[in-house]
Amino acid sequence: MCPLQNISTSSEHSKEKPDIILHSHEECLKDKKKQAENFRFIEEESNKYEASRILQDVGNKTVVVNPPYPPMTQGELDMSFDLPYTRLPHPKYKGKRIPAYDMIKFSVNLHRGCFGGCAFCTISAHQGKFIVSRSKESILKEVKEITEMPDFKGYLSDLGGPSANMYAMHGMDENKCRRCKRPSCIHPKVCPNLNTDHRPLLDIYRSVDAIPNKEKLYRKRCTL
């Protein structure tokens, strides 16, 4: 039996979800299996709709990892992309050429999150497993702004997201998603509750293609 334990505390969050107490840092230094057990809990919690708070003792102190916020609404995501970004690198680069910036300078992000659950990837740790998509209006507004940039040559380098073609995909019954802790909705087999309809994404592609002052659109390869 795994020696990790759940306990309740007086915090508001823990009234709903018990805390998870990990093996201490010192225990993990002595036993790599305990570190592996810790990682399993951290991975599972990062893939939940409603996660528990995680605690780990380090010496005479305790590290507290608060649960992530719930997924944003579409309106909240649209508002975040409507902020007055410069679309420029950080001033610390002092005008130096950045090859990675050249690649994404004229790209548009359609959504957040990824339900792929790839073992090498940490998107679920900082964006979550659940897809939140921008509205069509928000996306087209940004594309039109890009076409008006003085150095735009008519090519969009990408119209996608961290998970390429998962735009507008989600669980058909959200209550099932709230109880799920699978790291992947598509491995080892596609979840029967997953809506995999590509029509909303194809509609975005066609609408962007119809915008003037743009010669070509490069799309990420589909993975579903």
Protein backbone atom coordinates (compact mmCIF):
# COMPACT_ATOMS: atom_id res chain seq x y z
CA MET A 1 0.00 0.00 0.00
CA CYS A 2 1.28 3.45 -0.83
CA PRO A 3 2.30 5.22 2.41
CA LEU A 4 1.11 8.61 1.17
CA GLN A 5 -1.93 9.79 3.06
CA ASN A 6 -4.84 12.19 2.80
CA ILE A 7 -5.66 14.48 5.70
CA SER A 8 -8.16 17.25 6.23
CA THR A 9 -7.15 20.75 7.34
CA SER A 10 -9.04 23.86 8.25
CA SER A 11 -8.57 25.58 4.87
CA GLU A 12 -11.61 26.46 2.78
CA HIS A 13 -10.48 24.29 -0.11
CA SER A 14 -9.84 21.21 2.03
CA LYS A 15 -13.45 21.17 3.18
CA GLU A 16 -14.20 19.89 -0.31
CA LYS A 17 -10.98 18.06 -1.21
CA PRO A 18 -8.58 16.51 1.33
CA ASP A 19 -4.92 17.53 1.21
CA ILE A 20 -2.37 15.13 -0.20
CA ILE A 21 0.75 14.70 1.93
CA LEU A 22 3.74 13.63 -0.12
CA HIS A 23 6.85 11.82 1.06
CA SER A 24 9.28 14.36 2.46
CA HIS A 25 12.19 15.65 0.43
CA GLU A 26 14.60 13.76 2.68
CA GLU A 27 12.71 10.49 2.20
CA CYS A 28 12.86 10.91 -1.58
CA LEU A 29 16.63 11.45 -1.47
CA LYS A 30 16.97 8.06 0.19
CA ASP A 31 14.40 6.15 -1.87
CA LYS A 32 13.73 6.90 -5.57
CA LYS A 33 10.53 4.83 -5.47
CA LYS A 34 9.06 7.32 -3.01
CA GLN A 35 9.93 10.13 -5.41
CA ALA A 36 8.14 8.18 -8.17
CA GLU A 37 5.07 7.85 -5.93
CA ASN A 38 5.15 11.60 -5.32
CA PHE A 39 5.29 12.29 -9.03
CA ARG A 40 2.30 10.05 -9.70
CA PHE A 41 0.16 12.09 -7.32
CA ILE A 42 1.37 15.39 -8.78
CA GLU A 43 0.61 14.18 -12.31
CA GLU A 44 -2.86 12.93 -11.38
CA GLU A 45 -3.79 16.16 -9.62
CA SER A 46 -2.66 18.28 -12.58
CA ASN A 47 -5.12 16.37 -14.77
CA LYS A 48 -8.17 16.78 -12.54
CA TYR A 49 -10.94 19.31 -12.97
CA GLU A 50 -10.89 19.90 -9.21
CA ALA A 51 -7.55 19.07 -7.63
CA SER A 52 -6.39 18.69 -4.05
CA ARG A 53 -3.81 20.82 -2.30
CA ILE A 54 -0.39 19.12 -2.15
CA LEU A 55 2.06 19.39 0.75
CA GLN A 56 5.64 18.18 1.15
CA ASP A 57 7.95 18.55 4.13
CA VAL A 58 11.44 19.88 3.39
CA GLY A 59 13.56 20.04 6.50
CA ASN A 60 11.58 21.95 9.12
CA LYS A 61 9.39 23.67 6.51
CA THR A 62 6.48 22.58 4.32
CA VAL A 63 6.08 23.31 0.63
CA VAL A 64 2.45 23.95 -0.30
CA VAL A 65 1.21 23.56 -3.89
CA ASN A 66 -2.22 25.09 -4.17
CA PRO A 67 -4.69 23.56 -6.64
CA PRO A 68 -4.98 25.26 -10.03
CA TYR A 69 -7.83 27.59 -10.84
CA PRO A 70 -10.75 26.07 -12.75
CA PRO A 71 -10.53 26.33 -16.55
CA MET A 72 -11.26 29.81 -17.91
CA THR A 73 -14.49 30.53 -19.70
CA GLN A 74 -14.38 31.45 -23.38
CA GLY A 75 -15.22 35.04 -22.48
CA GLU A 76 -12.33 35.22 -19.99
CA LEU A 77 -9.93 33.77 -22.55
CA ASP A 78 -11.08 36.26 -25.18
CA MET A 79 -10.51 39.10 -22.72
CA SER A 80 -6.98 37.91 -21.98
CA PHE A 81 -6.11 37.89 -25.69
CA ASP A 82 -7.66 41.33 -26.13
CA LEU A 83 -5.11 42.97 -23.83
CA PRO A 84 -2.73 45.46 -25.51
CA TYR A 85 0.22 43.15 -26.13
CA THR A 86 3.14 44.54 -28.17
CA ARG A 87 3.80 41.19 -29.90
CA LEU A 88 7.50 42.00 -29.42
CA PRO A 89 10.27 40.15 -27.53
CA HIS A 90 11.17 41.25 -24.01
CA PRO A 91 13.26 44.46 -23.97
CA LYS A 92 16.14 42.59 -22.32
CA TYR A 93 17.04 41.13 -25.74
CA LYS A 94 17.91 44.68 -26.89
CA GLY A 95 16.98 44.22 -30.52
CA LYS A 96 18.86 40.93 -31.04
CA ARG A 97 17.46 38.50 -33.59
CA ILE A 98 15.64 35.57 -31.97
CA PRO A 99 15.02 32.64 -34.39
CA ALA A 100 12.15 31.29 -32.25
CA TYR A 101 10.46 34.69 -32.40
CA ASP A 102 10.81 34.74 -36.17
CA MET A 103 8.86 31.48 -36.25
CA ILE A 104 5.92 32.63 -34.07
CA LYS A 105 5.80 36.33 -34.90
CA PHE A 106 2.76 35.96 -37.16
CA SER A 107 1.08 33.03 -35.42
CA VAL A 108 -2.30 32.93 -33.69
CA ASN A 109 -3.14 30.86 -30.62
CA LEU A 110 -6.67 29.39 -30.76
CA HIS A 111 -6.99 27.67 -27.40
CA ARG A 112 -5.42 26.54 -24.13
CA GLY A 113 -4.88 23.09 -22.67
CA CYS A 114 -4.22 19.61 -24.03
CA PHE A 115 -5.80 16.21 -23.34
CA GLY A 116 -3.05 14.23 -25.12
CA GLY A 117 -1.30 13.22 -21.89
CA CYS A 118 2.13 12.73 -23.50
CA ALA A 119 4.66 11.58 -20.91
CA PHE A 120 7.34 14.03 -22.06
CA CYS A 121 5.10 17.11 -21.96
CA THR A 122 4.12 19.51 -19.15
CA ILE A 123 1.26 21.40 -20.82
CA SER A 124 -1.24 19.83 -18.43
CA ALA A 125 0.84 21.12 -15.50
CA HIS A 126 0.57 24.77 -16.54
CA GLN A 127 -2.50 24.90 -18.81
CA GLY A 128 -4.55 21.91 -17.72
CA LYS A 129 -6.06 18.95 -19.54
CA PHE A 130 -9.32 20.69 -20.42
CA ILE A 131 -9.51 22.67 -23.65
CA VAL A 132 -10.66 26.29 -23.48
CA SER A 133 -11.14 27.83 -26.93
CA ARG A 134 -11.30 31.42 -28.07
CA SER A 135 -14.38 32.59 -29.94
CA LYS A 136 -14.28 32.84 -33.71
CA GLU A 137 -14.73 36.62 -33.45
CA SER A 138 -11.69 36.96 -31.18
CA ILE A 139 -9.52 34.88 -33.50
CA LEU A 140 -10.52 36.74 -36.66
CA LYS A 141 -9.95 40.07 -34.91
CA GLU A 142 -6.34 39.11 -34.13
CA VAL A 143 -5.71 37.79 -37.64
CA LYS A 144 -6.94 41.08 -39.13
CA GLU A 145 -4.65 43.01 -36.78
CA ILE A 146 -1.70 40.90 -37.91
CA THR A 147 -2.43 41.57 -41.58
CA GLU A 148 -2.16 45.29 -40.81
CA MET A 149 1.28 45.04 -39.20
CA PRO A 150 3.84 46.99 -41.28
CA ASP A 151 6.25 44.06 -41.72
CA PHE A 152 3.58 41.41 -42.46
CA LYS A 153 4.39 39.70 -45.77
CA GLY A 154 1.15 37.77 -46.20
CA TYR A 155 2.01 34.53 -44.40
CA LEU A 156 0.55 33.22 -41.12
CA SER A 157 3.07 30.80 -39.64
CA ASP A 158 0.56 28.99 -37.44
CA LEU A 159 -3.11 28.93 -36.55
CA GLY A 160 -3.37 26.44 -33.73
CA GLY A 161 -2.51 25.94 -30.09
CA PRO A 162 -0.39 23.88 -27.71
CA SER A 163 -2.33 20.82 -28.83
CA ALA A 164 -2.62 21.66 -32.54
CA ASN A 165 -6.10 20.58 -33.63
CA MET A 166 -8.06 20.21 -30.36
CA TYR A 167 -9.95 23.48 -30.87
CA ALA A 168 -13.46 23.37 -29.32
CA MET A 169 -13.09 19.73 -28.23
CA HIS A 170 -14.38 18.76 -24.80
CA GLY A 171 -16.29 16.14 -22.88
CA MET A 172 -19.90 15.79 -23.93
CA ASP A 173 -20.93 15.13 -20.30
CA GLU A 174 -18.91 17.53 -18.13
CA ASN A 175 -19.89 15.70 -14.96
CA LYS A 176 -17.91 12.68 -16.14
CA CYS A 177 -14.92 14.92 -16.84
CA ARG A 178 -15.07 16.32 -13.31
CA ARG A 179 -14.62 12.81 -11.90
CA CYS A 180 -11.89 11.74 -14.32
CA LYS A 181 -8.18 11.61 -13.51
CA ARG A 182 -6.91 10.00 -16.71
CA PRO A 183 -3.85 11.89 -18.00
CA SER A 184 -5.00 11.33 -21.58
CA CYS A 185 -8.40 11.41 -23.25
CA ILE A 186 -7.05 9.64 -26.35
CA HIS A 187 -4.65 6.96 -25.01
CA PRO A 188 -4.77 4.00 -24.81
CA LYS A 189 -8.06 4.62 -26.61
CA VAL A 190 -10.21 7.65 -27.32
CA CYS A 191 -12.64 8.39 -24.49
CA PRO A 192 -16.25 7.73 -25.63
CA ASN A 193 -17.27 10.95 -23.83
CA LEU A 194 -14.90 13.08 -25.94
CA ASN A 195 -16.31 15.29 -28.67
CA THR A 196 -13.80 15.05 -31.54
CA ASP A 197 -15.70 17.16 -34.06
CA HIS A 198 -13.26 19.08 -36.29
CA ARG A 199 -15.92 21.21 -37.97
CA PRO A 200 -15.46 24.26 -35.69
CA LEU A 201 -11.72 24.26 -36.44
CA LEU A 202 -12.28 23.83 -40.18
CA ASP A 203 -14.70 26.75 -40.06
CA ILE A 204 -11.96 28.88 -38.47
CA TYR A 205 -9.51 27.86 -41.22
CA ARG A 206 -11.95 28.74 -43.99
CA SER A 207 -12.87 32.07 -42.40
CA VAL A 208 -9.22 33.02 -42.00
CA ASP A 209 -8.48 31.99 -45.58
CA ALA A 210 -11.16 34.43 -46.72
CA ILE A 211 -9.49 37.43 -45.04
CA PRO A 212 -7.75 39.70 -47.61
CA ASN A 213 -4.06 40.76 -47.52
CA LYS A 214 -2.96 37.22 -46.71
CA GLU A 215 -1.35 34.93 -49.26
CA LYS A 216 -0.94 31.67 -47.41
CA LEU A 217 -1.77 29.90 -44.14
CA TYR A 218 0.48 27.20 -42.69
CA ARG A 219 -1.42 24.80 -40.45
CA LYS A 220 -0.20 22.39 -37.84
CA ARG A 221 -0.54 18.75 -38.78
CA CYS A 222 -3.62 17.08 -37.30
CA THR A 223 -2.99 14.50 -34.60
CA LEU A 224 -6.45 13.00 -34.06
